[in-house]
Amino acid sequence: MHFPLPWQLVLILLVILIIFGASKLPEFGKGLGEGIRNFKKALSGEEEEKKPEKKEQA
């Protein structure tokens, strides 16, 4: 399989930056990271730990 050359990677990143905008990229990265993390947990069979919810006092 052919790996893209450095100038091709820069061009791809530039197109992504133009399409999504700089403000959306951190959100996209966070969502991608969470998705990968959840996928790995599902593959390993770990159960998601439930954290007790904090109740607000009025």
C-alpha atoms as a PDB file:
ATOM      1  CA  MET A   1       0.000   0.000   0.000  1.00  0.00           C
ATOM      2  CA  HIS A   2       1.286   3.444  -0.895  1.00  0.00           C
ATOM      3  CA  PHE A   3       1.645   5.990   1.919  1.00  0.00           C
ATOM      4  CA  PRO A   4       1.022   9.648   0.922  1.00  0.00           C
ATOM      5  CA  LEU A   5       4.009  11.921   0.527  1.00  0.00           C
ATOM      6  CA  PRO A   6       4.473  14.801   3.010  1.00  0.00           C
ATOM      7  CA  TRP A   7       3.196  17.434   0.574  1.00  0.00           C
ATOM      8  CA  GLN A   8       0.106  15.311  -0.065  1.00  0.00           C
ATOM      9  CA  LEU A   9      -0.596  15.116   3.682  1.00  0.00           C
ATOM     10  CA  VAL A  10      -0.312  18.899   3.959  1.00  0.00           C
ATOM     11  CA  LEU A  11      -2.736  19.313   1.073  1.00  0.00           C
ATOM     12  CA  ILE A  12      -5.241  16.916   2.670  1.00  0.00           C
ATOM     13  CA  LEU A  13      -5.002  18.720   6.031  1.00  0.00           C
ATOM     14  CA  LEU A  14      -5.474  22.075   4.310  1.00  0.00           C
ATOM     15  CA  VAL A  15      -8.633  20.871   2.545  1.00  0.00           C
ATOM     16  CA  ILE A  16     -10.005  19.514   5.850  1.00  0.00           C
ATOM     17  CA  LEU A  17      -9.256  22.855   7.531  1.00  0.00           C
ATOM     18  CA  ILE A  18     -11.080  24.731   4.776  1.00  0.00           C
ATOM     19  CA  ILE A  19     -14.114  22.429   4.856  1.00  0.00           C
ATOM     20  CA  PHE A  20     -14.622  22.195   8.621  1.00  0.00           C
ATOM     21  CA  GLY A  21     -13.023  25.425   9.830  1.00  0.00           C
ATOM     22  CA  ALA A  22     -10.537  25.824  12.659  1.00  0.00           C
ATOM     23  CA  SER A  23     -13.203  26.057  15.369  1.00  0.00           C
ATOM     24  CA  LYS A  24     -14.715  22.627  14.572  1.00  0.00           C
ATOM     25  CA  LEU A  25     -11.462  20.636  14.515  1.00  0.00           C
ATOM     26  CA  PRO A  26     -11.043  20.302  18.315  1.00  0.00           C
ATOM     27  CA  GLU A  27     -14.633  19.070  18.614  1.00  0.00           C
ATOM     28  CA  PHE A  28     -14.025  16.590  15.800  1.00  0.00           C
ATOM     29  CA  GLY A  29     -10.849  15.312  17.479  1.00  0.00           C
ATOM     30  CA  LYS A  30     -12.587  14.948  20.841  1.00  0.00           C
ATOM     31  CA  GLY A  31     -15.454  13.020  19.305  1.00  0.00           C
ATOM     32  CA  LEU A  32     -13.076  10.780  17.385  1.00  0.00           C
ATOM     33  CA  GLY A  33     -11.043  10.057  20.523  1.00  0.00           C
ATOM     34  CA  GLU A  34     -14.150   9.200  22.542  1.00  0.00           C
ATOM     35  CA  GLY A  35     -15.374   6.933  19.768  1.00  0.00           C
ATOM     36  CA  ILE A  36     -12.077   5.050  19.625  1.00  0.00           C
ATOM     37  CA  ARG A  37     -12.007   4.747  23.417  1.00  0.00           C
ATOM     38  CA  ASN A  38     -15.549   3.336  23.500  1.00  0.00           C
ATOM     39  CA  PHE A  39     -14.731   0.931  20.680  1.00  0.00           C
ATOM     40  CA  LYS A  40     -11.694  -0.394  22.553  1.00  0.00           C
ATOM     41  CA  LYS A  41     -13.760  -0.843  25.726  1.00  0.00           C
ATOM     42  CA  ALA A  42     -16.376  -2.788  23.791  1.00  0.00           C
ATOM     43  CA  LEU A  43     -13.730  -5.042  22.241  1.00  0.00           C
ATOM     44  CA  SER A  44     -12.083  -5.795  25.568  1.00  0.00           C
ATOM     45  CA  GLY A  45     -15.438  -6.550  27.209  1.00  0.00           C
ATOM     46  CA  GLU A  46     -15.053  -4.020  29.991  1.00  0.00           C
ATOM     47  CA  GLU A  47     -18.259  -2.765  31.487  1.00  0.00           C
ATOM     48  CA  GLU A  48     -18.668   0.945  31.713  1.00  0.00           C
ATOM     49  CA  GLU A  49     -18.308   2.106  35.291  1.00  0.00           C
ATOM     50  CA  LYS A  50     -21.277   4.081  36.489  1.00  0.00           C
ATOM     51  CA  LYS A  51     -20.367   7.173  38.448  1.00  0.00           C
ATOM     52  CA  PRO A  52     -22.804   8.380  41.077  1.00  0.00           C
ATOM     53  CA  GLU A  53     -24.549  11.521  39.967  1.00  0.00           C
ATOM     54  CA  LYS A  54     -24.173  14.586  42.120  1.00  0.00           C
ATOM     55  CA  LYS A  55     -27.462  16.003  43.306  1.00  0.00           C
ATOM     56  CA  GLU A  56     -27.788  19.746  43.438  1.00  0.00           C
ATOM     57  CA  GLN A  57     -28.873  21.172  46.749  1.00  0.00           C
ATOM     58  CA  ALA A  58     -31.395  24.004  46.602  1.00  0.00           C
END
